[in-house]
Amino acid sequence: MPRFLVHIHTGPADPNKATLGCLVALAAARKGHDVTVFFAGDGVHLLAPDHAGIEGEGTGRLGDHLVGLAETGARFRVSGMSAKARGYDAALLDGHPAEFAQPDALVDLAQAADTLLCY
């Protein structure tokens, strides 16, 4: 099964790009691919409950994409450094198939991936 890594570093300030990344990750997961989504930079905000309602133009609602990704077995990695710098703690991961990761994990995931997409 091909491995997809989707690196999302765009936050809620650009809902079209942020939701597009999650939509593409969900499309890959629904096709049966092994999907990991790595949230870094402002992208870590996307896992906060108060941002689940953001919606892109033609790219859908973020909360729906995150639920769909979880249901397909996709895994989330969240930059611990980005989260901490933005005031988040482990509660950010609640309700998501997520764990904190460091930059070396992103490098390892990129190296192992068959396809890498960045949003």
PDB file of N, CA and C in Angstrom:
ATOM      1  N   MET A   1       0.852  -1.172   0.000  1.00  0.00           N
ATOM      2  CA  MET A   1       0.000   0.000   0.000  1.00  0.00           C
ATOM      3  C   MET A   1       0.901   1.240   0.000  1.00  0.00           C
ATOM      4  N   PRO A   2       0.716   2.160  -0.945  1.00  0.00           N
ATOM      5  CA  PRO A   2       1.531   3.375  -0.990  1.00  0.00           C
ATOM      6  C   PRO A   2       1.363   4.223   0.267  1.00  0.00           C
ATOM      7  N   ARG A   3       2.455   4.847   0.680  1.00  0.00           N
ATOM      8  CA  ARG A   3       2.447   5.711   1.868  1.00  0.00           C
ATOM      9  C   ARG A   3       2.430   7.172   1.446  1.00  0.00           C
ATOM     10  N   PHE A   4       1.471   7.902   1.994  1.00  0.00           N
ATOM     11  CA  PHE A   4       1.348   9.329   1.742  1.00  0.00           C
ATOM     12  C   PHE A   4       1.687  10.080   3.020  1.00  0.00           C
ATOM     13  N   LEU A   5       2.471  11.116   2.882  1.00  0.00           N
ATOM     14  CA  LEU A   5       2.709  12.067   3.959  1.00  0.00           C
ATOM     15  C   LEU A   5       2.182  13.408   3.484  1.00  0.00           C
ATOM     16  N   VAL A   6       1.261  13.974   4.247  1.00  0.00           N
ATOM     17  CA  VAL A   6       0.720  15.296   3.938  1.00  0.00           C
ATOM     18  C   VAL A   6       1.164  16.222   5.062  1.00  0.00           C
ATOM     19  N   HIS A   7       2.012  17.191   4.715  1.00  0.00           N
ATOM     20  CA  HIS A   7       2.573  18.134   5.685  1.00  0.00           C
ATOM     21  C   HIS A   7       1.756  19.419   5.601  1.00  0.00           C
ATOM     22  N   ILE A   8       1.037  19.721   6.665  1.00  0.00           N
ATOM     23  CA  ILE A   8       0.185  20.915   6.688  1.00  0.00           C
ATOM     24  C   ILE A   8       0.792  21.922   7.660  1.00  0.00           C
ATOM     25  N   HIS A   9       1.237  23.038   7.109  1.00  0.00           N
ATOM     26  CA  HIS A   9       1.826  24.104   7.922  1.00  0.00           C
ATOM     27  C   HIS A   9       1.018  25.386   7.827  1.00  0.00           C
ATOM     28  N   THR A  10      -0.096  25.332   7.095  1.00  0.00           N
ATOM     29  CA  THR A  10      -0.991  26.476   6.948  1.00  0.00           C
ATOM     30  C   THR A  10      -2.077  26.405   8.017  1.00  0.00           C
ATOM     31  N   GLY A  11      -2.357  27.526   8.630  1.00  0.00           N
ATOM     32  CA  GLY A  11      -3.348  27.574   9.696  1.00  0.00           C
ATOM     33  C   GLY A  11      -4.690  28.101   9.252  1.00  0.00           C
ATOM     34  N   PRO A  12      -5.550  28.383  10.204  1.00  0.00           N
ATOM     35  CA  PRO A  12      -6.917  28.822   9.915  1.00  0.00           C
ATOM     36  C   PRO A  12      -7.012  30.177   9.221  1.00  0.00           C
ATOM     37  N   ALA A  13      -5.923  30.941   9.172  1.00  0.00           N
ATOM     38  CA  ALA A  13      -5.953  32.226   8.469  1.00  0.00           C
ATOM     39  C   ALA A  13      -6.133  32.033   6.961  1.00  0.00           C
ATOM     40  N   ASP A  14      -5.805  30.841   6.462  1.00  0.00           N
ATOM     41  CA  ASP A  14      -5.998  30.509   5.046  1.00  0.00           C
ATOM     42  C   ASP A  14      -6.842  29.233   4.975  1.00  0.00           C
ATOM     43  N   PRO A  15      -8.153  29.368   5.197  1.00  0.00           N
ATOM     44  CA  PRO A  15      -9.003  28.177   5.277  1.00  0.00           C
ATOM     45  C   PRO A  15      -9.037  27.351   4.002  1.00  0.00           C
ATOM     46  N   ASN A  16      -8.875  27.981   2.847  1.00  0.00           N
ATOM     47  CA  ASN A  16      -8.898  27.213   1.603  1.00  0.00           C
ATOM     48  C   ASN A  16      -7.720  26.250   1.528  1.00  0.00           C
ATOM     49  N   LYS A  17      -6.537  26.743   1.803  1.00  0.00           N
ATOM     50  CA  LYS A  17      -5.342  25.901   1.726  1.00  0.00           C
ATOM     51  C   LYS A  17      -5.324  24.853   2.843  1.00  0.00           C
ATOM     52  N   ALA A  18      -5.705  25.256   4.046  1.00  0.00           N
ATOM     53  CA  ALA A  18      -5.697  24.333   5.186  1.00  0.00           C
ATOM     54  C   ALA A  18      -6.682  23.190   4.974  1.00  0.00           C
ATOM     55  N   THR A  19      -7.888  23.500   4.535  1.00  0.00           N
ATOM     56  CA  THR A  19      -8.876  22.446   4.322  1.00  0.00           C
ATOM     57  C   THR A  19      -8.545  21.612   3.088  1.00  0.00           C
ATOM     58  N   LEU A  20      -7.911  22.217   2.090  1.00  0.00           N
ATOM     59  CA  LEU A  20      -7.519  21.465   0.904  1.00  0.00           C
ATOM     60  C   LEU A  20      -6.524  20.372   1.275  1.00  0.00           C
ATOM     61  N   GLY A  21      -5.562  20.697   2.129  1.00  0.00           N
ATOM     62  CA  GLY A  21      -4.600  19.691   2.567  1.00  0.00           C
ATOM     63  C   GLY A  21      -5.275  18.512   3.242  1.00  0.00           C
ATOM     64  N   CYS A  22      -6.231  18.803   4.101  1.00  0.00           N
ATOM     65  CA  CYS A  22      -6.957  17.726   4.798  1.00  0.00           C
ATOM     66  C   CYS A  22      -7.851  16.956   3.845  1.00  0.00           C
ATOM     67  N   LEU A  23      -8.460  17.640   2.887  1.00  0.00           N
ATOM     68  CA  LEU A  23      -9.318  16.978   1.899  1.00  0.00           C
ATOM     69  C   LEU A  23      -8.503  16.014   1.030  1.00  0.00           C
ATOM     70  N   VAL A  24      -7.329  16.443   0.586  1.00  0.00           N
ATOM     71  CA  VAL A  24      -6.485  15.577  -0.238  1.00  0.00           C
ATOM     72  C   VAL A  24      -6.000  14.372   0.572  1.00  0.00           C
ATOM     73  N   ALA A  25      -5.628  14.611   1.827  1.00  0.00           N
ATOM     74  CA  ALA A  25      -5.217  13.499   2.695  1.00  0.00           C
ATOM     75  C   ALA A  25      -6.361  12.506   2.855  1.00  0.00           C
ATOM     76  N   LEU A  26      -7.563  13.012   3.041  1.00  0.00           N
ATOM     77  CA  LEU A  26      -8.734  12.143   3.185  1.00  0.00           C
ATOM     78  C   LEU A  26      -9.000  11.358   1.899  1.00  0.00           C
ATOM     79  N   ALA A  27      -8.849  12.003   0.751  1.00  0.00           N
ATOM     80  CA  ALA A  27      -9.048  11.305  -0.521  1.00  0.00           C
ATOM     81  C   ALA A  27      -8.062  10.144  -0.652  1.00  0.00           C
ATOM     82  N   ALA A  28      -6.813  10.373  -0.278  1.00  0.00           N
ATOM     83  CA  ALA A  28      -5.805   9.304  -0.338  1.00  0.00           C
ATOM     84  C   ALA A  28      -6.159   8.176   0.625  1.00  0.00           C
ATOM     85  N   ALA A  29      -6.590   8.519   1.822  1.00  0.00           N
ATOM     86  CA  ALA A  29      -6.949   7.501   2.818  1.00  0.00           C
ATOM     87  C   ALA A  29      -8.150   6.687   2.354  1.00  0.00           C
ATOM     88  N   ARG A  30      -9.121   7.338   1.748  1.00  0.00           N
ATOM     89  CA  ARG A  30     -10.313   6.624   1.266  1.00  0.00           C
ATOM     90  C   ARG A  30      -9.988   5.689   0.105  1.00  0.00           C
ATOM     91  N   LYS A  31      -8.894   5.965  -0.600  1.00  0.00           N
ATOM     92  CA  LYS A  31      -8.446   5.068  -1.677  1.00  0.00           C
ATOM     93  C   LYS A  31      -7.637   3.900  -1.117  1.00  0.00           C
ATOM     94  N   GLY A  32      -7.477   3.873   0.203  1.00  0.00           N
ATOM     95  CA  GLY A  32      -6.788   2.759   0.834  1.00  0.00           C
ATOM     96  C   GLY A  32      -5.308   2.967   1.070  1.00  0.00           C
ATOM     97  N   HIS A  33      -4.807   4.171   0.826  1.00  0.00           N
ATOM     98  CA  HIS A  33      -3.396   4.449   1.043  1.00  0.00           C
ATOM     99  C   HIS A  33      -3.108   4.630   2.535  1.00  0.00           C
ATOM    100  N   ASP A  34      -1.895   4.388   2.912  1.00  0.00           N
ATOM    101  CA  ASP A  34      -1.407   4.599   4.278  1.00  0.00           C
ATOM    102  C   ASP A  34      -1.089   6.092   4.396  1.00  0.00           C
ATOM    103  N   VAL A  35      -1.850   6.815   5.222  1.00  0.00           N
ATOM    104  CA  VAL A  35      -1.738   8.272   5.283  1.00  0.00           C
ATOM    105  C   VAL A  35      -1.307   8.748   6.664  1.00  0.00           C
ATOM    106  N   THR A  36      -0.297   9.600   6.666  1.00  0.00           N
ATOM    107  CA  THR A  36       0.099  10.335   7.868  1.00  0.00           C
ATOM    108  C   THR A  36       0.002  11.818   7.539  1.00  0.00           C
ATOM    109  N   VAL A  37      -0.627  12.564   8.426  1.00  0.00           N
ATOM    110  CA  VAL A  37      -0.696  14.016   8.284  1.00  0.00           C
ATOM    111  C   VAL A  37       0.173  14.619   9.378  1.00  0.00           C
ATOM    112  N   PHE A  38       1.130  15.445   8.974  1.00  0.00           N
ATOM    113  CA  PHE A  38       2.031  16.101   9.917  1.00  0.00           C
ATOM    114  C   PHE A  38       1.649  17.576   9.985  1.00  0.00           C
ATOM    115  N   PHE A  39       1.157  17.995  11.147  1.00  0.00           N
ATOM    116  CA  PHE A  39       0.758  19.384  11.371  1.00  0.00           C
ATOM    117  C   PHE A  39       1.918  20.128  12.021  1.00  0.00           C
ATOM    118  N   ALA A  40       2.345  21.217  11.416  1.00  0.00           N
ATOM    119  CA  ALA A  40       3.446  22.017  11.966  1.00  0.00           C
ATOM    120  C   ALA A  40       3.156  23.491  11.740  1.00  0.00           C
ATOM    121  N   GLY A  41       3.959  24.338  12.346  1.00  0.00           N
ATOM    122  CA  GLY A  41       3.750  25.777  12.201  1.00  0.00           C
ATOM    123  C   GLY A  41       2.336  26.141  12.620  1.00  0.00           C
ATOM    124  N   ASP A  42       1.721  27.051  11.866  1.00  0.00           N
ATOM    125  CA  ASP A  42       0.354  27.458  12.184  1.00  0.00           C
ATOM    126  C   ASP A  42      -0.664  26.343  11.942  1.00  0.00           C
ATOM    127  N   GLY A  43      -0.243  25.283  11.263  1.00  0.00           N
ATOM    128  CA  GLY A  43      -1.128  24.145  11.041  1.00  0.00           C
ATOM    129  C   GLY A  43      -1.563  23.456  12.321  1.00  0.00           C
ATOM    130  N   VAL A  44      -0.785  23.603  13.401  1.00  0.00           N
ATOM    131  CA  VAL A  44      -1.190  22.964  14.659  1.00  0.00           C
ATOM    132  C   VAL A  44      -2.511  23.529  15.177  1.00  0.00           C
ATOM    133  N   HIS A  45      -2.822  24.773  14.817  1.00  0.00           N
ATOM    134  CA  HIS A  45      -4.097  25.369  15.240  1.00  0.00           C
ATOM    135  C   HIS A  45      -5.293  24.566  14.730  1.00  0.00           C
ATOM    136  N   LEU A  46      -5.123  23.860  13.623  1.00  0.00           N
ATOM    137  CA  LEU A  46      -6.245  23.146  13.009  1.00  0.00           C
ATOM    138  C   LEU A  46      -6.814  22.054  13.892  1.00  0.00           C
ATOM    139  N   LEU A  47      -6.031  21.554  14.836  1.00  0.00           N
ATOM    140  CA  LEU A  47      -6.524  20.504  15.728  1.00  0.00           C
ATOM    141  C   LEU A  47      -7.267  21.049  16.943  1.00  0.00           C
ATOM    142  N   ALA A  48      -7.214  22.338  17.155  1.00  0.00           N
ATOM    143  CA  ALA A  48      -7.923  22.948  18.285  1.00  0.00           C
ATOM    144  C   ALA A  48      -9.432  22.931  18.003  1.00  0.00           C
ATOM    145  N   PRO A  49     -10.235  22.537  18.982  1.00  0.00           N
ATOM    146  CA  PRO A  49     -11.683  22.410  18.761  1.00  0.00           C
ATOM    147  C   PRO A  49     -12.353  23.674  18.216  1.00  0.00           C
ATOM    148  N   ASP A  50     -11.855  24.844  18.572  1.00  0.00           N
ATOM    149  CA  ASP A  50     -12.502  26.070  18.121  1.00  0.00           C
ATOM    150  C   ASP A  50     -12.279  26.352  16.632  1.00  0.00           C
ATOM    151  N   HIS A  51     -11.460  25.551  15.956  1.00  0.00           N
ATOM    152  CA  HIS A  51     -11.231  25.740  14.525  1.00  0.00           C
ATOM    153  C   HIS A  51     -11.892  24.661  13.669  1.00  0.00           C
ATOM    154  N   ALA A  52     -12.574  23.695  14.282  1.00  0.00           N
ATOM    155  CA  ALA A  52     -13.188  22.593  13.530  1.00  0.00           C
ATOM    156  C   ALA A  52     -14.218  23.085  12.522  1.00  0.00           C
ATOM    157  N   GLY A  53     -14.802  24.240  12.751  1.00  0.00           N
ATOM    158  CA  GLY A  53     -15.847  24.757  11.869  1.00  0.00           C
ATOM    159  C   GLY A  53     -15.348  25.525  10.667  1.00  0.00           C
ATOM    160  N   ILE A  54     -14.031  25.725  10.546  1.00  0.00           N
ATOM    161  CA  ILE A  54     -13.576  26.489   9.380  1.00  0.00           C
ATOM    162  C   ILE A  54     -13.876  25.701   8.111  1.00  0.00           C
ATOM    163  N   GLU A  55     -14.164  26.444   7.072  1.00  0.00           N
ATOM    164  CA  GLU A  55     -14.555  25.819   5.818  1.00  0.00           C
ATOM    165  C   GLU A  55     -13.910  26.566   4.665  1.00  0.00           C
ATOM    166  N   GLY A  56     -13.375  25.822   3.739  1.00  0.00           N
ATOM    167  CA  GLY A  56     -12.786  26.419   2.554  1.00  0.00           C
ATOM    168  C   GLY A  56     -13.821  26.532   1.451  1.00  0.00           C
ATOM    169  N   GLU A  57     -13.499  27.341   0.466  1.00  0.00           N
ATOM    170  CA  GLU A  57     -14.386  27.502  -0.684  1.00  0.00           C
ATOM    171  C   GLU A  57     -14.204  26.308  -1.610  1.00  0.00           C
ATOM    172  N   GLY A  58     -15.150  25.391  -1.577  1.00  0.00           N
ATOM    173  CA  GLY A  58     -15.072  24.202  -2.409  1.00  0.00           C
ATOM    174  C   GLY A  58     -14.182  23.107  -1.845  1.00  0.00           C
ATOM    175  N   THR A  59     -13.632  23.331  -0.654  1.00  0.00           N
ATOM    176  CA  THR A  59     -12.727  22.340  -0.065  1.00  0.00           C
ATOM    177  C   THR A  59     -13.287  21.730   1.212  1.00  0.00           C
ATOM    178  N   GLY A  60     -14.484  22.081   1.579  1.00  0.00           N
ATOM    179  CA  GLY A  60     -15.168  21.437   2.694  1.00  0.00           C
ATOM    180  C   GLY A  60     -14.845  21.973   4.070  1.00  0.00           C
ATOM    181  N   ARG A  61     -15.453  21.328   5.045  1.00  0.00           N
ATOM    182  CA  ARG A  61     -15.351  21.719   6.453  1.00  0.00           C
ATOM    183  C   ARG A  61     -14.239  20.932   7.132  1.00  0.00           C
ATOM    184  N   LEU A  62     -13.361  21.629   7.808  1.00  0.00           N
ATOM    185  CA  LEU A  62     -12.210  21.018   8.455  1.00  0.00           C
ATOM    186  C   LEU A  62     -12.602  19.885   9.398  1.00  0.00           C
ATOM    187  N   GLY A  63     -13.564  20.125  10.268  1.00  0.00           N
ATOM    188  CA  GLY A  63     -13.961  19.111  11.249  1.00  0.00           C
ATOM    189  C   GLY A  63     -14.398  17.815  10.589  1.00  0.00           C
ATOM    190  N   ASP A  64     -15.103  17.907   9.471  1.00  0.00           N
ATOM    191  CA  ASP A  64     -15.535  16.710   8.751  1.00  0.00           C
ATOM    192  C   ASP A  64     -14.327  15.942   8.218  1.00  0.00           C
ATOM    193  N   HIS A  65     -13.345  16.663   7.704  1.00  0.00           N
ATOM    194  CA  HIS A  65     -12.146  16.011   7.167  1.00  0.00           C
ATOM    195  C   HIS A  65     -11.362  15.309   8.277  1.00  0.00           C
ATOM    196  N   LEU A  66     -11.235  15.975   9.425  1.00  0.00           N
ATOM    197  CA  LEU A  66     -10.481  15.367  10.530  1.00  0.00           C
ATOM    198  C   LEU A  66     -11.154  14.098  11.035  1.00  0.00           C
ATOM    199  N   VAL A  67     -12.480  14.122  11.150  1.00  0.00           N
ATOM    200  CA  VAL A  67     -13.229  12.927  11.561  1.00  0.00           C
ATOM    201  C   VAL A  67     -13.058  11.824  10.519  1.00  0.00           C
ATOM    202  N   GLY A  68     -13.188  12.179   9.258  1.00  0.00           N
ATOM    203  CA  GLY A  68     -13.026  11.198   8.191  1.00  0.00           C
ATOM    204  C   GLY A  68     -11.643  10.571   8.191  1.00  0.00           C
ATOM    205  N   LEU A  69     -10.622  11.386   8.403  1.00  0.00           N
ATOM    206  CA  LEU A  69      -9.258  10.863   8.463  1.00  0.00           C
ATOM    207  C   LEU A  69      -9.103   9.871   9.616  1.00  0.00           C
ATOM    208  N   ALA A  70      -9.643  10.227  10.768  1.00  0.00           N
ATOM    209  CA  ALA A  70      -9.570   9.324  11.924  1.00  0.00           C
ATOM    210  C   ALA A  70     -10.293   8.009  11.625  1.00  0.00           C
ATOM    211  N   GLU A  71     -11.441   8.095  10.977  1.00  0.00           N
ATOM    212  CA  GLU A  71     -12.218   6.896  10.667  1.00  0.00           C
ATOM    213  C   GLU A  71     -11.512   5.977   9.675  1.00  0.00           C
ATOM    214  N   THR A  72     -10.675   6.529   8.812  1.00  0.00           N
ATOM    215  CA  THR A  72      -9.962   5.716   7.822  1.00  0.00           C
ATOM    216  C   THR A  72      -8.673   5.132   8.375  1.00  0.00           C
ATOM    217  N   GLY A  73      -8.302   5.521   9.585  1.00  0.00           N
ATOM    218  CA  GLY A  73      -7.066   5.007  10.178  1.00  0.00           C
ATOM    219  C   GLY A  73      -5.844   5.859   9.911  1.00  0.00           C
ATOM    220  N   ALA A  74      -6.032   7.038   9.350  1.00  0.00           N
ATOM    221  CA  ALA A  74      -4.894   7.940   9.138  1.00  0.00           C
ATOM    222  C   ALA A  74      -4.316   8.337  10.502  1.00  0.00           C
ATOM    223  N   ARG A  75      -3.037   8.625  10.501  1.00  0.00           N
ATOM    224  CA  ARG A  75      -2.350   9.039  11.730  1.00  0.00           C
ATOM    225  C   ARG A  75      -1.960  10.507  11.628  1.00  0.00           C
ATOM    226  N   PHE A  76      -2.007  11.184  12.758  1.00  0.00           N
ATOM    227  CA  PHE A  76      -1.598  12.585  12.830  1.00  0.00           C
ATOM    228  C   PHE A  76      -0.323  12.676  13.654  1.00  0.00           C
ATOM    229  N   ARG A  77       0.619  13.446  13.157  1.00  0.00           N
ATOM    230  CA  ARG A  77       1.794  13.825  13.934  1.00  0.00           C
ATOM    231  C   ARG A  77       1.739  15.334  14.050  1.00  0.00           C
ATOM    232  N   VAL A  78       2.056  15.833  15.215  1.00  0.00           N
ATOM    233  CA  VAL A  78       1.932  17.261  15.506  1.00  0.00           C
ATOM    234  C   VAL A  78       3.268  17.755  16.021  1.00  0.00           C
ATOM    235  N   SER A  79       3.757  18.804  15.409  1.00  0.00           N
ATOM    236  CA  SER A  79       5.024  19.360  15.865  1.00  0.00           C
ATOM    237  C   SER A  79       4.885  19.834  17.306  1.00  0.00           C
ATOM    238  N   GLY A  80       5.613  19.184  18.190  1.00  0.00           N
ATOM    239  CA  GLY A  80       5.586  19.580  19.596  1.00  0.00           C
ATOM    240  C   GLY A  80       6.135  20.978  19.803  1.00  0.00           C
ATOM    241  N   MET A  81       7.154  21.328  19.026  1.00  0.00           N
ATOM    242  CA  MET A  81       7.746  22.662  19.147  1.00  0.00           C
ATOM    243  C   MET A  81       6.767  23.734  18.675  1.00  0.00           C
ATOM    244  N   SER A  82       6.085  23.483  17.558  1.00  0.00           N
ATOM    245  CA  SER A  82       5.103  24.453  17.048  1.00  0.00           C
ATOM    246  C   SER A  82       3.940  24.600  18.016  1.00  0.00           C
ATOM    247  N   ALA A  83       3.470  23.475  18.561  1.00  0.00           N
ATOM    248  CA  ALA A  83       2.348  23.519  19.500  1.00  0.00           C
ATOM    249  C   ALA A  83       2.718  24.313  20.748  1.00  0.00           C
ATOM    250  N   LYS A  84       3.875  24.016  21.305  1.00  0.00           N
ATOM    251  CA  LYS A  84       4.303  24.710  22.517  1.00  0.00           C
ATOM    252  C   LYS A  84       4.460  26.208  22.263  1.00  0.00           C
ATOM    253  N   ALA A  85       5.039  26.571  21.133  1.00  0.00           N
ATOM    254  CA  ALA A  85       5.240  27.982  20.809  1.00  0.00           C
ATOM    255  C   ALA A  85       3.916  28.732  20.650  1.00  0.00           C
ATOM    256  N   ARG A  86       2.841  27.994  20.365  1.00  0.00           N
ATOM    257  CA  ARG A  86       1.529  28.615  20.172  1.00  0.00           C
ATOM    258  C   ARG A  86       0.615  28.411  21.377  1.00  0.00           C
ATOM    259  N   GLY A  87       1.179  27.938  22.486  1.00  0.00           N
ATOM    260  CA  GLY A  87       0.436  27.853  23.739  1.00  0.00           C
ATOM    261  C   GLY A  87      -0.365  26.584  23.948  1.00  0.00           C
ATOM    262  N   TYR A  88      -0.130  25.550  23.151  1.00  0.00           N
ATOM    263  CA  TYR A  88      -0.872  24.308  23.305  1.00  0.00           C
ATOM    264  C   TYR A  88      -0.096  23.302  24.145  1.00  0.00           C
ATOM    265  N   ASP A  89      -0.857  22.430  24.815  1.00  0.00           N
ATOM    266  CA  ASP A  89      -0.258  21.316  25.547  1.00  0.00           C
ATOM    267  C   ASP A  89      -0.864  20.022  25.007  1.00  0.00           C
ATOM    268  N   ALA A  90      -0.711  18.937  25.725  1.00  0.00           N
ATOM    269  CA  ALA A  90      -1.175  17.631  25.258  1.00  0.00           C
ATOM    270  C   ALA A  90      -2.686  17.577  25.022  1.00  0.00           C
ATOM    271  N   ALA A  91      -3.448  18.477  25.612  1.00  0.00           N
ATOM    272  CA  ALA A  91      -4.892  18.501  25.393  1.00  0.00           C
ATOM    273  C   ALA A  91      -5.238  18.735  23.919  1.00  0.00           C
ATOM    274  N   LEU A  92      -4.329  19.329  23.170  1.00  0.00           N
ATOM    275  CA  LEU A  92      -4.551  19.549  21.737  1.00  0.00           C
ATOM    276  C   LEU A  92      -4.772  18.233  20.995  1.00  0.00           C
ATOM    277  N   LEU A  93      -4.174  17.175  21.485  1.00  0.00           N
ATOM    278  CA  LEU A  93      -4.253  15.876  20.816  1.00  0.00           C
ATOM    279  C   LEU A  93      -5.534  15.114  21.130  1.00  0.00           C
ATOM    280  N   ASP A  94      -6.253  15.533  22.160  1.00  0.00           N
ATOM    281  CA  ASP A  94      -7.461  14.826  22.590  1.00  0.00           C
ATOM    282  C   ASP A  94      -8.461  14.674  21.450  1.00  0.00           C
ATOM    283  N   GLY A  95      -8.945  13.460  21.282  1.00  0.00           N
ATOM    284  CA  GLY A  95      -9.956  13.197  20.264  1.00  0.00           C
ATOM    285  C   GLY A  95      -9.398  12.978  18.871  1.00  0.00           C
ATOM    286  N   HIS A  96      -8.086  13.007  18.726  1.00  0.00           N
ATOM    287  CA  HIS A  96      -7.452  12.806  17.421  1.00  0.00           C
ATOM    288  C   HIS A  96      -6.499  11.615  17.497  1.00  0.00           C
ATOM    289  N   PRO A  97      -6.292  10.942  16.377  1.00  0.00           N
ATOM    290  CA  PRO A  97      -5.293   9.864  16.343  1.00  0.00           C
ATOM    291  C   PRO A  97      -3.899  10.490  16.200  1.00  0.00           C
ATOM    292  N   ALA A  98      -3.489  11.208  17.237  1.00  0.00           N
ATOM    293  CA  ALA A  98      -2.319  12.081  17.120  1.00  0.00           C
ATOM    294  C   ALA A  98      -1.305  11.856  18.223  1.00  0.00           C
ATOM    295  N   GLU A  99      -0.075  12.206  17.882  1.00  0.00           N
ATOM    296  CA  GLU A  99       0.986  12.255  18.884  1.00  0.00           C
ATOM    297  C   GLU A  99       1.944  13.362  18.485  1.00  0.00           C
ATOM    298  N   PHE A 100       2.642  13.883  19.479  1.00  0.00           N
ATOM    299  CA  PHE A 100       3.639  14.913  19.202  1.00  0.00           C
ATOM    300  C   PHE A 100       4.859  14.288  18.544  1.00  0.00           C
ATOM    301  N   ALA A 101       5.508  15.063  17.691  1.00  0.00           N
ATOM    302  CA  ALA A 101       6.710  14.613  17.009  1.00  0.00           C
ATOM    303  C   ALA A 101       7.650  15.800  16.831  1.00  0.00           C
ATOM    304  N   GLN A 102       8.889  15.494  16.630  1.00  0.00           N
ATOM    305  CA  GLN A 102       9.922  16.507  16.435  1.00  0.00           C
ATOM    306  C   GLN A 102      10.327  16.550  14.955  1.00  0.00           C
ATOM    307  N   PRO A 103      11.126  17.535  14.561  1.00  0.00           N
ATOM    308  CA  PRO A 103      11.512  17.650  13.145  1.00  0.00           C
ATOM    309  C   PRO A 103      12.169  16.389  12.578  1.00  0.00           C
ATOM    310  N   ASP A 104      12.922  15.662  13.387  1.00  0.00           N
ATOM    311  CA  ASP A 104      13.553  14.446  12.862  1.00  0.00           C
ATOM    312  C   ASP A 104      12.508  13.411  12.444  1.00  0.00           C
ATOM    313  N   ALA A 105      11.352  13.404  13.106  1.00  0.00           N
ATOM    314  CA  ALA A 105      10.275  12.490  12.709  1.00  0.00           C
ATOM    315  C   ALA A 105       9.711  12.892  11.349  1.00  0.00           C
ATOM    316  N   LEU A 106       9.602  14.189  11.104  1.00  0.00           N
ATOM    317  CA  LEU A 106       9.131  14.658   9.799  1.00  0.00           C
ATOM    318  C   LEU A 106      10.105  14.214   8.709  1.00  0.00           C
ATOM    319  N   VAL A 107      11.391  14.323   8.973  1.00  0.00           N
ATOM    320  CA  VAL A 107      12.401  13.884   8.008  1.00  0.00           C
ATOM    321  C   VAL A 107      12.260  12.392   7.742  1.00  0.00           C
ATOM    322  N   ASP A 108      12.114  11.606   8.796  1.00  0.00           N
ATOM    323  CA  ASP A 108      11.976  10.154   8.641  1.00  0.00           C
ATOM    324  C   ASP A 108      10.709   9.795   7.871  1.00  0.00           C
ATOM    325  N   LEU A 109       9.605  10.464   8.185  1.00  0.00           N
ATOM    326  CA  LEU A 109       8.351  10.194   7.485  1.00  0.00           C
ATOM    327  C   LEU A 109       8.455  10.571   6.012  1.00  0.00           C
ATOM    328  N   ALA A 110       9.112  11.689   5.716  1.00  0.00           N
ATOM    329  CA  ALA A 110       9.281  12.112   4.327  1.00  0.00           C
ATOM    330  C   ALA A 110      10.142  11.107   3.556  1.00  0.00           C
ATOM    331  N   GLN A 111      11.173  10.632   4.196  1.00  0.00           N
ATOM    332  CA  GLN A 111      12.058   9.673   3.540  1.00  0.00           C
ATOM    333  C   GLN A 111      11.330   8.359   3.245  1.00  0.00           C
ATOM    334  N   ALA A 112      10.464   7.950   4.144  1.00  0.00           N
ATOM    335  CA  ALA A 112       9.745   6.678   3.995  1.00  0.00           C
ATOM    336  C   ALA A 112       8.524   6.776   3.073  1.00  0.00           C
ATOM    337  N   ALA A 113       8.048   7.986   2.828  1.00  0.00           N
ATOM    338  CA  ALA A 113       6.814   8.166   2.053  1.00  0.00           C
ATOM    339  C   ALA A 113       7.052   7.911   0.562  1.00  0.00           C
ATOM    340  N   ASP A 114       6.028   7.383  -0.083  1.00  0.00           N
ATOM    341  CA  ASP A 114       6.042   7.268  -1.538  1.00  0.00           C
ATOM    342  C   ASP A 114       5.640   8.590  -2.168  1.00  0.00           C
ATOM    343  N   THR A 115       4.782   9.318  -1.461  1.00  0.00           N
ATOM    344  CA  THR A 115       4.291  10.609  -1.944  1.00  0.00           C
ATOM    345  C   THR A 115       4.261  11.592  -0.784  1.00  0.00           C
ATOM    346  N   LEU A 116       4.794  12.789  -1.021  1.00  0.00           N
ATOM    347  CA  LEU A 116       4.817  13.856  -0.012  1.00  0.00           C
ATOM    348  C   LEU A 116       4.115  15.063  -0.609  1.00  0.00           C
ATOM    349  N   LEU A 117       3.109  15.551   0.093  1.00  0.00           N
ATOM    350  CA  LEU A 117       2.367  16.740  -0.324  1.00  0.00           C
ATOM    351  C   LEU A 117       2.434  17.763   0.798  1.00  0.00           C
ATOM    352  N   CYS A 118       2.576  19.030   0.451  1.00  0.00           N
ATOM    353  CA  CYS A 118       2.675  20.095   1.458  1.00  0.00           C
ATOM    354  C   CYS A 118       1.637  21.166   1.204  1.00  0.00           C
ATOM    355  N   TYR A 119       0.996  21.586   2.282  1.00  0.00           N
ATOM    356  CA  TYR A 119      -0.028  22.632   2.214  1.00  0.00           C
ATOM    357  C   TYR A 119       0.197  23.631   3.317  1.00  0.00           C
TER     358      TYR A 119
END
